[in-house]
Amino acid sequence: MYAAITKVLNKFLKQRTIFKYGFNITPMYRRSTGKIVEVSDDLYKVKVKIPISYKNRNYVGSIYGGSLFSATDPIFMTQLMWVLGDQYVVWDKSAEIKFKRPAKQDSYVDFILTKNDIQIIKERVVEEKEIDLIKDIKITNKESSVVYAEVSKTIYIADKSYYKNKRKKN
């Protein structure tokens, strides 16, 4: 459903606009309490804010860990899907969060890809047909001086035709 809506919106809006507002109005992402506040034109940089509010404040007054985690969950996968294009299959494979200190104020996360990252991914997929990419991010305060949590995401990326053939065999 979201892919079909995106296809229509691509005729009228920039990808960065669709990415930002699409996430921010989608019920599944809204429930995380995260909000995308910035997306670069090339989609290589996405900034998420996790504001502290009555919706995500836990018993001790800090942001509930599940909110911190769920606000980071879909971003890299979706970002890579858009940047790499339709000839690749991209899935979240696993994730781990390590809490460092309570987040008692608004929190922020930067999801950054580089042109070099994308080039290496494409080269590895040509050679290996499927790869696991590990991306690490930090959930911080606005100034990035205090780290509340570290998240490690493992993302599966494969050549689409290879993936389809592999699925037929299983």
Protein backbone atom coordinates (compact mmCIF):
# COMPACT_ATOMS: atom_id res chain seq x y z
CA MET A 1 0.00 0.00 0.00
CA TYR A 2 2.73 2.50 0.99
CA ALA A 3 4.73 1.67 -2.15
CA ALA A 4 1.71 2.40 -4.34
CA ILE A 5 1.05 5.71 -2.59
CA THR A 6 4.72 6.64 -2.93
CA LYS A 7 4.65 5.90 -6.66
CA VAL A 8 1.78 8.35 -7.14
CA LEU A 9 3.31 11.02 -4.89
CA ASN A 10 6.64 10.80 -6.78
CA LYS A 11 4.88 12.55 -9.68
CA PHE A 12 4.17 15.62 -7.56
CA LEU A 13 6.68 15.79 -4.69
CA LYS A 14 10.39 15.41 -4.03
CA GLN A 15 11.51 12.11 -2.54
CA ARG A 16 12.80 13.82 0.59
CA THR A 17 9.35 15.37 1.17
CA ILE A 18 7.59 12.03 0.71
CA PHE A 19 10.09 10.33 3.04
CA LYS A 20 9.78 12.93 5.78
CA TYR A 21 6.05 13.49 5.80
CA GLY A 22 5.23 9.91 4.87
CA PHE A 23 6.95 8.66 8.00
CA ASN A 24 5.58 11.42 10.18
CA ILE A 25 1.93 10.75 9.29
CA THR A 26 2.12 6.96 9.19
CA PRO A 27 0.35 5.52 12.25
CA MET A 28 2.99 2.83 12.83
CA TYR A 29 5.78 5.42 13.07
CA ARG A 30 3.76 8.01 14.96
CA ARG A 31 3.27 5.48 17.76
CA SER A 32 7.04 5.35 18.26
CA THR A 33 6.84 9.07 19.16
CA GLY A 34 9.79 9.70 16.83
CA LYS A 35 9.56 12.48 14.28
CA ILE A 36 11.70 12.96 11.21
CA VAL A 37 12.86 16.56 11.30
CA GLU A 38 15.38 16.64 8.46
CA VAL A 39 16.04 14.72 5.25
CA SER A 40 18.76 15.62 2.77
CA ASP A 41 17.88 15.96 -0.93
CA ASP A 42 19.73 12.73 -1.75
CA LEU A 43 18.24 10.89 1.27
CA TYR A 44 21.75 10.16 2.60
CA LYS A 45 21.04 11.97 5.86
CA VAL A 46 17.95 11.65 8.03
CA LYS A 47 17.60 13.29 11.44
CA VAL A 48 15.02 12.01 13.91
CA LYS A 49 13.82 13.74 17.05
CA ILE A 50 12.28 11.77 19.90
CA PRO A 51 10.58 14.39 22.04
CA ILE A 52 9.88 13.50 25.64
CA SER A 53 6.15 13.66 26.34
CA TYR A 54 3.37 12.04 28.29
CA LYS A 55 3.17 9.45 25.48
CA ASN A 56 6.64 8.03 26.08
CA ARG A 57 7.61 9.02 29.62
CA ASN A 58 8.20 5.99 31.83
CA TYR A 59 7.78 5.44 35.56
CA VAL A 60 11.04 7.24 36.44
CA GLY A 61 10.46 10.22 34.14
CA SER A 62 12.75 9.32 31.24
CA ILE A 63 11.87 8.28 27.70
CA TYR A 64 10.66 4.69 27.59
CA GLY A 65 13.33 2.48 26.02
CA GLY A 66 10.85 1.00 23.57
CA SER A 67 10.16 4.47 22.17
CA LEU A 68 13.86 5.12 21.71
CA PHE A 69 14.29 1.81 19.94
CA SER A 70 11.16 1.90 17.77
CA ALA A 71 11.92 5.43 16.56
CA THR A 72 15.20 4.11 15.12
CA ASP A 73 13.88 0.81 13.80
CA PRO A 74 12.65 1.44 10.23
CA ILE A 75 14.85 4.33 9.13
CA PHE A 76 18.04 2.72 7.77
CA MET A 77 16.12 -0.04 5.96
CA THR A 78 13.75 2.38 4.25
CA GLN A 79 16.53 4.88 3.56
CA LEU A 80 18.60 2.15 1.86
CA MET A 81 15.59 0.94 -0.15
CA TRP A 82 15.10 4.41 -1.57
CA VAL A 83 18.80 5.14 -2.18
CA LEU A 84 19.66 1.75 -3.72
CA GLY A 85 16.54 1.43 -5.85
CA ASP A 86 14.32 -1.38 -7.07
CA GLN A 87 17.07 -3.78 -8.16
CA TYR A 88 17.87 -4.59 -4.51
CA VAL A 89 16.04 -6.35 -1.70
CA VAL A 90 16.57 -4.70 1.68
CA TRP A 91 15.38 -6.14 5.01
CA ASP A 92 16.06 -5.44 8.65
CA LYS A 93 17.71 -8.59 9.93
CA SER A 94 18.49 -7.80 13.55
CA ALA A 95 19.01 -4.96 15.97
CA GLU A 96 20.51 -4.43 19.37
CA ILE A 97 20.19 -1.49 21.72
CA LYS A 98 22.48 -0.69 24.61
CA PHE A 99 21.13 1.87 27.03
CA LYS A 100 23.79 4.20 28.44
CA ARG A 101 21.82 6.67 30.57
CA PRO A 102 18.21 7.80 31.02
CA ALA A 103 16.92 10.19 28.36
CA LYS A 104 15.20 12.89 30.39
CA GLN A 105 15.01 15.39 27.55
CA ASP A 106 14.33 15.34 23.81
CA SER A 107 16.60 12.87 22.02
CA TYR A 108 18.05 12.88 18.51
CA VAL A 109 19.44 10.37 16.04
CA ASP A 110 21.34 10.96 12.80
CA PHE A 111 21.11 8.28 10.11
CA ILE A 112 23.98 8.94 7.74
CA LEU A 113 24.97 7.13 4.58
CA THR A 114 27.87 8.22 2.40
CA LYS A 115 28.44 7.83 -1.31
CA ASN A 116 31.30 5.52 -0.36
CA ASP A 117 28.92 3.38 1.75
CA ILE A 118 26.59 2.97 -1.23
CA GLN A 119 29.43 2.20 -3.63
CA ILE A 120 30.81 -0.48 -1.28
CA ILE A 121 27.34 -1.99 -0.82
CA LYS A 122 26.79 -2.20 -4.58
CA GLU A 123 30.26 -3.70 -5.17
CA ARG A 124 29.78 -6.28 -2.42
CA VAL A 125 26.34 -7.27 -3.70
CA VAL A 126 27.74 -7.75 -7.22
CA GLU A 127 30.44 -10.05 -5.81
CA GLU A 128 28.51 -11.83 -3.03
CA LYS A 129 24.87 -11.52 -4.25
CA GLU A 130 23.70 -10.93 -0.66
CA ILE A 131 25.30 -9.18 2.30
CA ASP A 132 24.69 -8.21 5.89
CA LEU A 133 25.41 -4.55 6.53
CA ILE A 134 25.97 -3.39 10.10
CA LYS A 135 25.18 0.25 10.89
CA ASP A 136 25.72 1.76 14.32
CA ILE A 137 23.96 4.87 15.57
CA LYS A 138 23.78 6.84 18.79
CA ILE A 139 20.73 8.33 20.41
CA THR A 140 21.90 11.63 21.90
CA ASN A 141 20.83 14.99 23.22
CA LYS A 142 20.44 17.92 20.78
CA GLU A 143 24.14 18.83 20.92
CA SER A 144 25.21 15.17 20.51
CA SER A 145 27.23 15.55 23.71
CA VAL A 146 25.30 13.04 25.83
CA VAL A 147 24.67 9.49 24.58
CA TYR A 148 21.48 7.86 25.87
CA ALA A 149 21.72 4.66 23.85
CA GLU A 150 23.65 2.95 21.08
CA VAL A 151 21.83 0.95 18.43
CA SER A 152 23.41 -1.58 16.09
CA LYS A 153 21.35 -2.56 13.06
CA THR A 154 22.08 -5.51 10.78
CA ILE A 155 20.48 -5.00 7.40
CA TYR A 156 20.23 -7.70 4.75
CA ILE A 157 20.81 -6.48 1.18
CA ALA A 158 20.61 -8.69 -1.90
CA ASP A 159 20.43 -8.52 -5.66
CA LYS A 160 16.70 -8.76 -6.41
CA SER A 161 16.95 -11.49 -9.07
CA TYR A 162 19.27 -13.56 -6.86
CA TYR A 163 16.86 -13.16 -3.95
CA LYS A 164 13.85 -14.25 -6.02
CA ASN A 165 15.69 -17.34 -7.26
CA LYS A 166 16.83 -18.18 -3.76
CA ARG A 167 13.26 -17.91 -2.45
CA LYS A 168 12.00 -20.27 -5.17
CA LYS A 169 14.46 -22.92 -4.02
CA ASN A 170 13.30 -22.75 -0.40
